[in-house]
Amino acid sequence: MMIEILKSIKKDSLKPLYFLHGDEPFHTEQIIEKIQHLAIPAHEKGFNEFVLFGKDLNVGAVLNYARRFPMMAQKQLIIVKDANQIQGIDQKENQKLLEEYALNPLLSSILVLSFSNVQDERKGWIKAFTKYGQIHNSKKFYENQLPEFLADYCHSKGVKISMKAIQLLIEHIGNDLKRLTSEIDKVVINLKLGEGIDADTIQRFVGISKEYNVFEFQKALIQRDVVRANQINIYFGNNPKDNPIQPILIILYNFFSKVLLIHVSNDKSESSIASLLKVNSFFAKDYLNAARNYSLNKLVSVIHSIKIADLKSKGVEAGEETEGDILQKLTFEILH
């Protein structure tokens, strides 16, 4: 859907209305950037391109911008960011005004309303935007969608990236597309001609310790490597600012929760597990290894321990325990 809307935005077929919403700002920003690139020539932008913010506007002001004619040009572009903050936009009479404009827009204007949250597309005033415009809901990617997205993004930059590098990025950053692409951009700038991105490259330029990172910690726990897990655990405890406990706990909880599902699955082939867990097949092997090393009862205990650690990290019955103390105790409970 994301690729489709970007392909549909062409200079000669720009629509007078775009209604953008959702919980993934990266997609929305890409769409806006493409519209900006195509809609108004550089020498006309000063008079005919307006980037506004919802908190500074009411519905009447938005419509006044949309209904004015471009200055010595064919088109004008009005972008309203954080449109959900437009004063009075929740009021029915104002939604009616927006609906009336959407059903009869000024064709020399391109009005882009960008909402920073999810809107209900079933509402009549929003549906009205489909007559002459386009509605797009930018959704967060699932974990299994990230590898393909990152591979495609690197391909668009003219570089190849290994699955190991992708895994390391995802484990370190999560599904924040803006941060993921920003880190890749940083890496690409430092690459030599013809050089690809591997795990060593990520560790070198993204600032992830080659030996002591969440990816290596999880790997040690999967293998029940007591010595290695404790080495990394001690490093985390000595460097809490660079290795805060909350992201580590989220990663561990998500991982072991998925391993739990494997025990109730009849088909334990890599392809079936990848489909069940909604992860890329490259990662299925790690989950299967963990399932072999952790019984169902042990996994239930591990998840309980992670929840207790999470509460303590938020100050619930933590006493004088530091983040390092909490993680050290959790590591012991997972491995023993």
C-alpha atoms as a PDB file:
ATOM      1  CA  MET A   1       0.000   0.000   0.000  1.00  0.00           C
ATOM      2  CA  MET A   2       2.831   2.379   0.898  1.00  0.00           C
ATOM      3  CA  ILE A   3       4.690   1.714  -2.366  1.00  0.00           C
ATOM      4  CA  GLU A   4       1.432   2.007  -4.326  1.00  0.00           C
ATOM      5  CA  ILE A   5       0.581   5.478  -3.053  1.00  0.00           C
ATOM      6  CA  LEU A   6       4.137   6.727  -3.653  1.00  0.00           C
ATOM      7  CA  LYS A   7       3.991   5.407  -7.224  1.00  0.00           C
ATOM      8  CA  SER A   8       0.582   7.028  -7.738  1.00  0.00           C
ATOM      9  CA  ILE A   9       1.890  10.489  -6.808  1.00  0.00           C
ATOM     10  CA  LYS A  10       3.009  11.894 -10.146  1.00  0.00           C
ATOM     11  CA  LYS A  11       3.391  15.472 -11.275  1.00  0.00           C
ATOM     12  CA  ASP A  12       0.563  15.284 -13.805  1.00  0.00           C
ATOM     13  CA  SER A  13      -1.858  13.399 -11.575  1.00  0.00           C
ATOM     14  CA  LEU A  14      -1.593  15.144  -8.206  1.00  0.00           C
ATOM     15  CA  LYS A  15      -4.949  15.208  -6.455  1.00  0.00           C
ATOM     16  CA  PRO A  16      -6.455  18.329  -4.852  1.00  0.00           C
ATOM     17  CA  LEU A  17      -6.834  16.520  -1.507  1.00  0.00           C
ATOM     18  CA  TYR A  18      -4.695  14.174   0.584  1.00  0.00           C
ATOM     19  CA  PHE A  19      -5.877  12.888   3.952  1.00  0.00           C
ATOM     20  CA  LEU A  20      -2.917  11.234   5.719  1.00  0.00           C
ATOM     21  CA  HIS A  21      -3.184   9.568   9.113  1.00  0.00           C
ATOM     22  CA  GLY A  22      -1.812   6.643  11.105  1.00  0.00           C
ATOM     23  CA  ASP A  23       0.744   5.665  13.726  1.00  0.00           C
ATOM     24  CA  GLU A  24       3.833   5.451  11.469  1.00  0.00           C
ATOM     25  CA  PRO A  25       5.102   9.004  10.803  1.00  0.00           C
ATOM     26  CA  PHE A  26       7.892   7.798   8.495  1.00  0.00           C
ATOM     27  CA  HIS A  27       5.428   6.790   5.764  1.00  0.00           C
ATOM     28  CA  THR A  28       3.485  10.032   6.098  1.00  0.00           C
ATOM     29  CA  GLU A  29       6.652  12.122   5.848  1.00  0.00           C
ATOM     30  CA  GLN A  30       7.722  10.250   2.708  1.00  0.00           C
ATOM     31  CA  ILE A  31       4.388  10.974   1.044  1.00  0.00           C
ATOM     32  CA  ILE A  32       4.530  14.652   2.002  1.00  0.00           C
ATOM     33  CA  GLU A  33       8.114  14.982   0.742  1.00  0.00           C
ATOM     34  CA  LYS A  34       7.154  13.511  -2.633  1.00  0.00           C
ATOM     35  CA  ILE A  35       4.157  15.819  -2.960  1.00  0.00           C
ATOM     36  CA  GLN A  36       6.360  18.807  -2.070  1.00  0.00           C
ATOM     37  CA  HIS A  37       8.965  17.729  -4.617  1.00  0.00           C
ATOM     38  CA  LEU A  38       6.417  17.496  -7.452  1.00  0.00           C
ATOM     39  CA  ALA A  39       3.693  20.032  -6.703  1.00  0.00           C
ATOM     40  CA  ILE A  40       5.362  23.428  -6.802  1.00  0.00           C
ATOM     41  CA  PRO A  41       8.467  24.430  -8.801  1.00  0.00           C
ATOM     42  CA  ALA A  42      11.315  25.725  -6.629  1.00  0.00           C
ATOM     43  CA  HIS A  43      10.969  29.323  -7.892  1.00  0.00           C
ATOM     44  CA  GLU A  44       7.253  29.385  -6.956  1.00  0.00           C
ATOM     45  CA  LYS A  45       7.467  27.855  -3.478  1.00  0.00           C
ATOM     46  CA  GLY A  46       7.884  31.184  -1.674  1.00  0.00           C
ATOM     47  CA  PHE A  47       4.438  32.351  -2.790  1.00  0.00           C
ATOM     48  CA  ASN A  48       2.519  29.120  -3.318  1.00  0.00           C
ATOM     49  CA  GLU A  49       3.678  26.546  -0.769  1.00  0.00           C
ATOM     50  CA  PHE A  50       2.509  26.737   2.835  1.00  0.00           C
ATOM     51  CA  VAL A  51       3.554  24.338   5.602  1.00  0.00           C
ATOM     52  CA  LEU A  52       1.280  24.939   8.578  1.00  0.00           C
ATOM     53  CA  PHE A  53       0.635  23.309  11.961  1.00  0.00           C
ATOM     54  CA  GLY A  54      -2.767  22.369  13.314  1.00  0.00           C
ATOM     55  CA  LYS A  55      -2.287  23.995  16.715  1.00  0.00           C
ATOM     56  CA  ASP A  56      -1.968  27.403  15.021  1.00  0.00           C
ATOM     57  CA  LEU A  57      -5.165  27.079  12.969  1.00  0.00           C
ATOM     58  CA  ASN A  58      -8.902  26.676  13.131  1.00  0.00           C
ATOM     59  CA  VAL A  59     -11.001  25.035  10.435  1.00  0.00           C
ATOM     60  CA  GLY A  60     -11.957  28.392   8.929  1.00  0.00           C
ATOM     61  CA  ALA A  61      -8.297  29.360   8.493  1.00  0.00           C
ATOM     62  CA  VAL A  62      -7.500  26.044   6.787  1.00  0.00           C
ATOM     63  CA  LEU A  63     -10.350  26.517   4.328  1.00  0.00           C
ATOM     64  CA  ASN A  64      -9.341  30.140   3.667  1.00  0.00           C
ATOM     65  CA  TYR A  65      -5.881  28.933   2.628  1.00  0.00           C
ATOM     66  CA  ALA A  66      -7.394  26.211   0.436  1.00  0.00           C
ATOM     67  CA  ARG A  67      -9.835  28.573  -1.303  1.00  0.00           C
ATOM     68  CA  ARG A  68      -7.323  31.278  -2.222  1.00  0.00           C
ATOM     69  CA  PHE A  69      -5.938  31.235  -5.750  1.00  0.00           C
ATOM     70  CA  PRO A  70      -2.261  30.642  -6.491  1.00  0.00           C
ATOM     71  CA  MET A  71      -0.108  33.692  -7.148  1.00  0.00           C
ATOM     72  CA  MET A  72       1.048  33.828 -10.781  1.00  0.00           C
ATOM     73  CA  ALA A  73       1.079  30.033 -10.947  1.00  0.00           C
ATOM     74  CA  GLN A  74      -1.125  27.063 -11.790  1.00  0.00           C
ATOM     75  CA  LYS A  75      -1.103  25.418  -8.357  1.00  0.00           C
ATOM     76  CA  GLN A  76      -0.636  26.131  -4.693  1.00  0.00           C
ATOM     77  CA  LEU A  77       0.187  23.597  -1.968  1.00  0.00           C
ATOM     78  CA  ILE A  78      -1.092  23.742   1.610  1.00  0.00           C
ATOM     79  CA  ILE A  79       0.279  21.178   4.055  1.00  0.00           C
ATOM     80  CA  VAL A  80      -1.240  21.042   7.539  1.00  0.00           C
ATOM     81  CA  LYS A  81       0.823  18.913   9.911  1.00  0.00           C
ATOM     82  CA  ASP A  82      -0.687  17.609  13.184  1.00  0.00           C
ATOM     83  CA  ALA A  83      -4.104  18.267  11.674  1.00  0.00           C
ATOM     84  CA  ASN A  84      -5.698  16.520  14.653  1.00  0.00           C
ATOM     85  CA  GLN A  85      -4.749  19.646  16.660  1.00  0.00           C
ATOM     86  CA  ILE A  86      -6.732  22.021  14.432  1.00  0.00           C
ATOM     87  CA  GLN A  87      -8.977  24.038  16.746  1.00  0.00           C
ATOM     88  CA  GLY A  88     -12.571  22.789  16.600  1.00  0.00           C
ATOM     89  CA  ILE A  89     -11.910  19.897  14.228  1.00  0.00           C
ATOM     90  CA  ASP A  90     -13.852  17.554  16.532  1.00  0.00           C
ATOM     91  CA  GLN A  91     -16.987  19.697  16.261  1.00  0.00           C
ATOM     92  CA  LYS A  92     -19.664  18.453  13.863  1.00  0.00           C
ATOM     93  CA  GLU A  93     -20.291  21.860  12.293  1.00  0.00           C
ATOM     94  CA  ASN A  94     -16.602  22.197  11.411  1.00  0.00           C
ATOM     95  CA  GLN A  95     -16.426  18.644  10.096  1.00  0.00           C
ATOM     96  CA  LYS A  96     -19.416  19.533   7.898  1.00  0.00           C
ATOM     97  CA  LEU A  97     -17.464  22.498   6.483  1.00  0.00           C
ATOM     98  CA  LEU A  98     -14.509  20.234   5.685  1.00  0.00           C
ATOM     99  CA  GLU A  99     -16.857  17.705   4.089  1.00  0.00           C
ATOM    100  CA  GLU A 100     -18.434  20.395   1.886  1.00  0.00           C
ATOM    101  CA  TYR A 101     -15.006  21.519   0.728  1.00  0.00           C
ATOM    102  CA  ALA A 102     -13.872  17.938   0.080  1.00  0.00           C
ATOM    103  CA  LEU A 103     -16.905  17.420  -2.177  1.00  0.00           C
ATOM    104  CA  ASN A 104     -16.176  20.612  -4.121  1.00  0.00           C
ATOM    105  CA  PRO A 105     -12.478  21.530  -3.755  1.00  0.00           C
ATOM    106  CA  LEU A 106     -10.652  24.298  -5.564  1.00  0.00           C
ATOM    107  CA  LEU A 107      -8.765  22.378  -8.232  1.00  0.00           C
ATOM    108  CA  SER A 108      -5.840  24.826  -8.269  1.00  0.00           C
ATOM    109  CA  SER A 109      -5.140  23.974  -4.598  1.00  0.00           C
ATOM    110  CA  ILE A 110      -3.516  20.843  -3.195  1.00  0.00           C
ATOM    111  CA  LEU A 111      -4.588  20.499   0.426  1.00  0.00           C
ATOM    112  CA  VAL A 112      -2.701  17.929   2.503  1.00  0.00           C
ATOM    113  CA  LEU A 113      -4.089  17.209   5.965  1.00  0.00           C
ATOM    114  CA  SER A 114      -1.574  15.144   7.953  1.00  0.00           C
ATOM    115  CA  PHE A 115      -2.827  13.651  11.215  1.00  0.00           C
ATOM    116  CA  SER A 116      -0.342  12.330  13.782  1.00  0.00           C
ATOM    117  CA  ASN A 117      -2.766   9.642  14.954  1.00  0.00           C
ATOM    118  CA  VAL A 118      -5.269   7.167  13.502  1.00  0.00           C
ATOM    119  CA  GLN A 119      -8.574   8.582  12.269  1.00  0.00           C
ATOM    120  CA  ASP A 120     -11.868   6.753  11.724  1.00  0.00           C
ATOM    121  CA  GLU A 121     -12.218   6.443   7.938  1.00  0.00           C
ATOM    122  CA  ARG A 122     -15.861   5.382   8.344  1.00  0.00           C
ATOM    123  CA  LYS A 123     -16.922   8.924   9.264  1.00  0.00           C
ATOM    124  CA  GLY A 124     -18.796  10.740   6.520  1.00  0.00           C
ATOM    125  CA  TRP A 125     -16.659  13.881   6.489  1.00  0.00           C
ATOM    126  CA  ILE A 126     -13.506  11.763   6.064  1.00  0.00           C
ATOM    127  CA  LYS A 127     -15.055   9.537   3.386  1.00  0.00           C
ATOM    128  CA  ALA A 128     -15.795  12.701   1.414  1.00  0.00           C
ATOM    129  CA  PHE A 129     -12.051  13.071   0.768  1.00  0.00           C
ATOM    130  CA  THR A 130     -12.135  10.013  -1.490  1.00  0.00           C
ATOM    131  CA  LYS A 131     -14.239  11.759  -4.189  1.00  0.00           C
ATOM    132  CA  TYR A 132     -11.446  14.034  -5.409  1.00  0.00           C
ATOM    133  CA  GLY A 133      -8.613  13.020  -3.123  1.00  0.00           C
ATOM    134  CA  GLN A 134      -6.799  10.168  -1.494  1.00  0.00           C
ATOM    135  CA  ILE A 135      -6.811   8.778   2.045  1.00  0.00           C
ATOM    136  CA  HIS A 136      -3.837   6.871   3.390  1.00  0.00           C
ATOM    137  CA  ASN A 137      -3.440   5.150   6.754  1.00  0.00           C
ATOM    138  CA  SER A 138       0.264   4.751   7.571  1.00  0.00           C
ATOM    139  CA  LYS A 139       0.523   1.673   9.774  1.00  0.00           C
ATOM    140  CA  LYS A 140       3.412   0.471  11.900  1.00  0.00           C
ATOM    141  CA  PHE A 141       5.307  -2.419  10.366  1.00  0.00           C
ATOM    142  CA  TYR A 142       5.184  -5.842  11.969  1.00  0.00           C
ATOM    143  CA  GLU A 143       8.532  -7.370  12.864  1.00  0.00           C
ATOM    144  CA  ASN A 144       8.396  -9.777   9.924  1.00  0.00           C
ATOM    145  CA  GLN A 145       7.985  -6.859   7.496  1.00  0.00           C
ATOM    146  CA  LEU A 146      11.117  -5.027   8.634  1.00  0.00           C
ATOM    147  CA  PRO A 147      13.798  -7.165   6.902  1.00  0.00           C
ATOM    148  CA  GLU A 148      12.226  -6.703   3.477  1.00  0.00           C
ATOM    149  CA  PHE A 149      11.708  -2.995   4.115  1.00  0.00           C
ATOM    150  CA  LEU A 150      15.344  -2.490   5.143  1.00  0.00           C
ATOM    151  CA  ALA A 151      16.648  -4.563   2.233  1.00  0.00           C
ATOM    152  CA  ASP A 152      14.527  -2.503  -0.187  1.00  0.00           C
ATOM    153  CA  TYR A 153      15.608   0.756   1.418  1.00  0.00           C
ATOM    154  CA  CYS A 154      19.278  -0.198   1.079  1.00  0.00           C
ATOM    155  CA  HIS A 155      18.655  -1.263  -2.518  1.00  0.00           C
ATOM    156  CA  SER A 156      17.229   2.209  -3.214  1.00  0.00           C
ATOM    157  CA  LYS A 157      20.537   3.593  -1.908  1.00  0.00           C
ATOM    158  CA  GLY A 158      22.501   1.287  -4.213  1.00  0.00           C
ATOM    159  CA  VAL A 159      23.929  -0.972  -1.492  1.00  0.00           C
ATOM    160  CA  LYS A 160      23.348  -4.531  -0.279  1.00  0.00           C
ATOM    161  CA  ILE A 161      22.786  -5.389   3.375  1.00  0.00           C
ATOM    162  CA  SER A 162      23.232  -8.800   5.022  1.00  0.00           C
ATOM    163  CA  MET A 163      20.491 -10.460   7.060  1.00  0.00           C
ATOM    164  CA  LYS A 164      22.821 -10.456  10.074  1.00  0.00           C
ATOM    165  CA  ALA A 165      23.167  -6.674   9.779  1.00  0.00           C
ATOM    166  CA  ILE A 166      19.398  -6.319   9.464  1.00  0.00           C
ATOM    167  CA  GLN A 167      18.861  -8.473  12.551  1.00  0.00           C
ATOM    168  CA  LEU A 168      21.341  -6.417  14.537  1.00  0.00           C
ATOM    169  CA  LEU A 169      19.648  -3.163  13.541  1.00  0.00           C
ATOM    170  CA  ILE A 170      16.183  -4.456  14.418  1.00  0.00           C
ATOM    171  CA  GLU A 171      17.311  -5.843  17.777  1.00  0.00           C
ATOM    172  CA  HIS A 172      19.048  -2.565  18.617  1.00  0.00           C
ATOM    173  CA  ILE A 173      16.437  -0.084  17.350  1.00  0.00           C
ATOM    174  CA  GLY A 174      13.127  -1.934  16.997  1.00  0.00           C
ATOM    175  CA  ASN A 175      10.494  -0.910  14.434  1.00  0.00           C
ATOM    176  CA  ASP A 176      11.177   2.839  14.481  1.00  0.00           C
ATOM    177  CA  LEU A 177      11.502   3.323  10.711  1.00  0.00           C
ATOM    178  CA  LYS A 178      12.817   6.861  10.980  1.00  0.00           C
ATOM    179  CA  ARG A 179      15.671   5.797  13.242  1.00  0.00           C
ATOM    180  CA  LEU A 180      16.379   2.674  11.194  1.00  0.00           C
ATOM    181  CA  THR A 181      16.641   4.596   7.927  1.00  0.00           C
ATOM    182  CA  SER A 182      18.607   7.376   9.591  1.00  0.00           C
ATOM    183  CA  GLU A 183      21.207   4.878  10.831  1.00  0.00           C
ATOM    184  CA  ILE A 184      21.425   3.282   7.383  1.00  0.00           C
ATOM    185  CA  ASP A 185      21.915   6.715   5.798  1.00  0.00           C
ATOM    186  CA  LYS A 186      24.755   7.326   8.243  1.00  0.00           C
ATOM    187  CA  VAL A 187      26.366   4.016   7.331  1.00  0.00           C
ATOM    188  CA  VAL A 188      25.973   4.525   3.565  1.00  0.00           C
ATOM    189  CA  ILE A 189      27.823   7.851   3.706  1.00  0.00           C
ATOM    190  CA  ASN A 190      30.835   6.056   5.215  1.00  0.00           C
ATOM    191  CA  LEU A 191      30.918   3.131   2.787  1.00  0.00           C
ATOM    192  CA  LYS A 192      33.558   2.728   0.131  1.00  0.00           C
ATOM    193  CA  LEU A 193      32.492   2.332  -3.502  1.00  0.00           C
ATOM    194  CA  GLY A 194      30.967  -1.110  -4.028  1.00  0.00           C
ATOM    195  CA  GLU A 195      31.025  -1.981  -0.313  1.00  0.00           C
ATOM    196  CA  GLY A 196      27.976  -3.611   1.272  1.00  0.00           C
ATOM    197  CA  ILE A 197      26.607  -3.448   4.816  1.00  0.00           C
ATOM    198  CA  ASP A 198      27.366  -6.386   7.113  1.00  0.00           C
ATOM    199  CA  ALA A 199      27.137  -6.829  10.882  1.00  0.00           C
ATOM    200  CA  ASP A 200      30.651  -5.448  11.413  1.00  0.00           C
ATOM    201  CA  THR A 201      29.713  -2.307   9.486  1.00  0.00           C
ATOM    202  CA  ILE A 202      26.633  -1.775  11.662  1.00  0.00           C
ATOM    203  CA  GLN A 203      28.633  -2.303  14.848  1.00  0.00           C
ATOM    204  CA  ARG A 204      31.288   0.141  13.645  1.00  0.00           C
ATOM    205  CA  PHE A 205      29.066   3.018  12.533  1.00  0.00           C
ATOM    206  CA  VAL A 206      25.871   2.661  14.567  1.00  0.00           C
ATOM    207  CA  GLY A 207      27.759   2.579  17.837  1.00  0.00           C
ATOM    208  CA  ILE A 208      26.755  -0.905  18.923  1.00  0.00           C
ATOM    209  CA  SER A 209      29.409  -2.732  20.890  1.00  0.00           C
ATOM    210  CA  LYS A 210      30.647  -5.655  18.826  1.00  0.00           C
ATOM    211  CA  GLU A 211      30.726  -8.013  21.807  1.00  0.00           C
ATOM    212  CA  TYR A 212      28.302  -6.473  24.285  1.00  0.00           C
ATOM    213  CA  ASN A 213      24.892  -5.722  22.816  1.00  0.00           C
ATOM    214  CA  VAL A 214      21.318  -6.931  23.231  1.00  0.00           C
ATOM    215  CA  PHE A 215      21.652  -9.202  20.192  1.00  0.00           C
ATOM    216  CA  GLU A 216      24.646 -11.013  21.707  1.00  0.00           C
ATOM    217  CA  PHE A 217      22.939 -11.109  25.122  1.00  0.00           C
ATOM    218  CA  GLN A 218      19.842 -12.753  23.672  1.00  0.00           C
ATOM    219  CA  LYS A 219      22.045 -15.172  21.712  1.00  0.00           C
ATOM    220  CA  ALA A 220      23.822 -16.186  24.931  1.00  0.00           C
ATOM    221  CA  LEU A 221      20.475 -16.742  26.663  1.00  0.00           C
ATOM    222  CA  ILE A 222      19.198 -18.838  23.741  1.00  0.00           C
ATOM    223  CA  GLN A 223      22.266 -21.078  24.025  1.00  0.00           C
ATOM    224  CA  ARG A 224      22.093 -20.976  27.851  1.00  0.00           C
ATOM    225  CA  ASP A 225      25.710 -19.846  27.841  1.00  0.00           C
ATOM    226  CA  VAL A 226      26.040 -18.801  31.497  1.00  0.00           C
ATOM    227  CA  VAL A 227      29.536 -17.308  31.257  1.00  0.00           C
ATOM    228  CA  ARG A 228      28.841 -15.244  28.138  1.00  0.00           C
ATOM    229  CA  ALA A 229      25.448 -14.013  29.343  1.00  0.00           C
ATOM    230  CA  ASN A 230      26.935 -12.837  32.629  1.00  0.00           C
ATOM    231  CA  GLN A 231      29.845 -11.103  30.908  1.00  0.00           C
ATOM    232  CA  ILE A 232      27.406  -9.052  28.856  1.00  0.00           C
ATOM    233  CA  ASN A 233      25.131  -8.550  31.847  1.00  0.00           C
ATOM    234  CA  ILE A 234      28.028  -7.083  33.867  1.00  0.00           C
ATOM    235  CA  TYR A 235      28.924  -4.793  30.952  1.00  0.00           C
ATOM    236  CA  PHE A 236      25.315  -3.541  30.801  1.00  0.00           C
ATOM    237  CA  GLY A 237      25.347  -2.905  34.557  1.00  0.00           C
ATOM    238  CA  ASN A 238      28.569  -0.885  34.268  1.00  0.00           C
ATOM    239  CA  ASN A 239      27.219   1.126  31.325  1.00  0.00           C
ATOM    240  CA  PRO A 240      23.546   1.758  32.156  1.00  0.00           C
ATOM    241  CA  LYS A 241      23.323   5.001  30.182  1.00  0.00           C
ATOM    242  CA  ASP A 242      24.206   3.266  26.915  1.00  0.00           C
ATOM    243  CA  ASN A 243      22.267   0.106  27.807  1.00  0.00           C
ATOM    244  CA  PRO A 244      19.042   1.100  29.624  1.00  0.00           C
ATOM    245  CA  ILE A 245      17.128  -1.844  31.016  1.00  0.00           C
ATOM    246  CA  GLN A 246      13.685  -1.061  29.547  1.00  0.00           C
ATOM    247  CA  PRO A 247      14.500  -1.744  25.862  1.00  0.00           C
ATOM    248  CA  ILE A 248      16.351  -4.926  26.911  1.00  0.00           C
ATOM    249  CA  LEU A 249      13.316  -6.183  28.850  1.00  0.00           C
ATOM    250  CA  ILE A 250      10.959  -5.441  25.952  1.00  0.00           C
ATOM    251  CA  ILE A 251      13.171  -7.392  23.536  1.00  0.00           C
ATOM    252  CA  LEU A 252      13.450 -10.350  25.926  1.00  0.00           C
ATOM    253  CA  TYR A 253       9.721 -10.381  26.672  1.00  0.00           C
ATOM    254  CA  ASN A 254       8.793 -10.304  22.989  1.00  0.00           C
ATOM    255  CA  PHE A 255      11.303 -13.034  22.180  1.00  0.00           C
ATOM    256  CA  PHE A 256      10.412 -15.509  24.925  1.00  0.00           C
ATOM    257  CA  SER A 257       6.665 -14.905  24.421  1.00  0.00           C
ATOM    258  CA  LYS A 258       7.078 -16.072  20.826  1.00  0.00           C
ATOM    259  CA  VAL A 259       9.166 -19.070  21.886  1.00  0.00           C
ATOM    260  CA  LEU A 260       6.239 -20.048  24.115  1.00  0.00           C
ATOM    261  CA  LEU A 261       4.016 -20.352  21.028  1.00  0.00           C
ATOM    262  CA  ILE A 262       6.362 -22.878  19.437  1.00  0.00           C
ATOM    263  CA  HIS A 263       5.610 -25.416  22.168  1.00  0.00           C
ATOM    264  CA  VAL A 264       1.926 -25.463  21.213  1.00  0.00           C
ATOM    265  CA  SER A 265       2.616 -25.713  17.482  1.00  0.00           C
ATOM    266  CA  ASN A 266       2.390 -29.110  15.782  1.00  0.00           C
ATOM    267  CA  ASP A 267       4.474 -28.083  12.769  1.00  0.00           C
ATOM    268  CA  LYS A 268       7.940 -27.024  13.890  1.00  0.00           C
ATOM    269  CA  SER A 269       9.495 -26.507  10.471  1.00  0.00           C
ATOM    270  CA  GLU A 270      11.308 -23.184   9.998  1.00  0.00           C
ATOM    271  CA  SER A 271       8.794 -21.971   7.404  1.00  0.00           C
ATOM    272  CA  SER A 272       5.811 -22.838   9.602  1.00  0.00           C
ATOM    273  CA  ILE A 273       7.337 -21.199  12.684  1.00  0.00           C
ATOM    274  CA  ALA A 274       8.194 -18.073  10.687  1.00  0.00           C
ATOM    275  CA  SER A 275       4.554 -17.861   9.585  1.00  0.00           C
ATOM    276  CA  LEU A 276       3.225 -18.553  13.094  1.00  0.00           C
ATOM    277  CA  LEU A 277       5.424 -15.935  14.771  1.00  0.00           C
ATOM    278  CA  LYS A 278       5.155 -13.439  11.897  1.00  0.00           C
ATOM    279  CA  VAL A 279       8.937 -13.171  11.628  1.00  0.00           C
ATOM    280  CA  ASN A 280      11.280 -13.482   8.687  1.00  0.00           C
ATOM    281  CA  SER A 281      12.301 -17.113   8.084  1.00  0.00           C
ATOM    282  CA  PHE A 282      15.939 -16.120   8.689  1.00  0.00           C
ATOM    283  CA  PHE A 283      15.106 -15.586  12.386  1.00  0.00           C
ATOM    284  CA  ALA A 284      13.066 -18.778  12.850  1.00  0.00           C
ATOM    285  CA  LYS A 285      16.172 -20.821  13.705  1.00  0.00           C
ATOM    286  CA  ASP A 286      16.857 -18.744  16.843  1.00  0.00           C
ATOM    287  CA  TYR A 287      13.319 -19.278  18.105  1.00  0.00           C
ATOM    288  CA  LEU A 288      13.518 -23.015  17.453  1.00  0.00           C
ATOM    289  CA  ASN A 289      16.869 -23.273  19.276  1.00  0.00           C
ATOM    290  CA  ALA A 290      15.377 -21.466  22.257  1.00  0.00           C
ATOM    291  CA  ALA A 291      12.355 -23.800  22.246  1.00  0.00           C
ATOM    292  CA  ARG A 292      14.707 -26.789  22.425  1.00  0.00           C
ATOM    293  CA  ASN A 293      16.622 -25.252  25.329  1.00  0.00           C
ATOM    294  CA  TYR A 294      13.642 -23.986  27.337  1.00  0.00           C
ATOM    295  CA  SER A 295      10.729 -26.191  28.349  1.00  0.00           C
ATOM    296  CA  LEU A 296       7.168 -24.884  28.398  1.00  0.00           C
ATOM    297  CA  ASN A 297       7.155 -24.624  32.205  1.00  0.00           C
ATOM    298  CA  LYS A 298      10.528 -22.867  32.197  1.00  0.00           C
ATOM    299  CA  LEU A 299       9.308 -20.339  29.619  1.00  0.00           C
ATOM    300  CA  VAL A 300       6.288 -19.481  31.765  1.00  0.00           C
ATOM    301  CA  SER A 301       8.704 -18.882  34.664  1.00  0.00           C
ATOM    302  CA  VAL A 302      11.024 -16.777  32.463  1.00  0.00           C
ATOM    303  CA  ILE A 303       8.198 -14.527  31.284  1.00  0.00           C
ATOM    304  CA  HIS A 304       7.027 -14.085  34.881  1.00  0.00           C
ATOM    305  CA  SER A 305      10.570 -13.089  35.910  1.00  0.00           C
ATOM    306  CA  ILE A 306      10.773 -10.544  33.078  1.00  0.00           C
ATOM    307  CA  LYS A 307       7.479  -8.990  34.221  1.00  0.00           C
ATOM    308  CA  ILE A 308       8.784  -8.709  37.798  1.00  0.00           C
ATOM    309  CA  ALA A 309      12.006  -7.127  36.512  1.00  0.00           C
ATOM    310  CA  ASP A 310       9.949  -4.666  34.465  1.00  0.00           C
ATOM    311  CA  LEU A 311       7.978  -3.596  37.546  1.00  0.00           C
ATOM    312  CA  LYS A 312      11.155  -3.192  39.590  1.00  0.00           C
ATOM    313  CA  SER A 313      12.783  -1.140  36.816  1.00  0.00           C
ATOM    314  CA  LYS A 314       9.798   1.228  37.136  1.00  0.00           C
ATOM    315  CA  GLY A 315      10.296   1.547  40.891  1.00  0.00           C
ATOM    316  CA  VAL A 316       7.751  -1.009  42.115  1.00  0.00           C
ATOM    317  CA  GLU A 317       9.206  -2.770  45.184  1.00  0.00           C
ATOM    318  CA  ALA A 318      12.711  -2.246  43.842  1.00  0.00           C
ATOM    319  CA  GLY A 319      14.203  -1.090  47.127  1.00  0.00           C
ATOM    320  CA  GLU A 320      17.804  -0.030  46.511  1.00  0.00           C
ATOM    321  CA  GLU A 321      18.331  -2.334  43.536  1.00  0.00           C
ATOM    322  CA  THR A 322      19.979  -0.698  40.529  1.00  0.00           C
ATOM    323  CA  GLU A 323      19.158  -1.557  36.923  1.00  0.00           C
ATOM    324  CA  GLY A 324      22.300  -3.693  36.926  1.00  0.00           C
ATOM    325  CA  ASP A 325      21.113  -5.585  40.024  1.00  0.00           C
ATOM    326  CA  ILE A 326      17.687  -6.191  38.484  1.00  0.00           C
ATOM    327  CA  LEU A 327      19.169  -7.468  35.231  1.00  0.00           C
ATOM    328  CA  GLN A 328      21.695  -9.651  37.039  1.00  0.00           C
ATOM    329  CA  LYS A 329      18.944 -11.334  39.066  1.00  0.00           C
ATOM    330  CA  LEU A 330      16.816 -11.769  35.929  1.00  0.00           C
ATOM    331  CA  THR A 331      19.726 -13.344  34.047  1.00  0.00           C
ATOM    332  CA  PHE A 332      20.221 -15.872  36.873  1.00  0.00           C
ATOM    333  CA  GLU A 333      16.497 -16.731  36.927  1.00  0.00           C
ATOM    334  CA  ILE A 334      16.392 -17.218  33.144  1.00  0.00           C
ATOM    335  CA  LEU A 335      19.461 -19.461  33.028  1.00  0.00           C
ATOM    336  CA  HIS A 336      18.822 -21.576  36.155  1.00  0.00           C
END
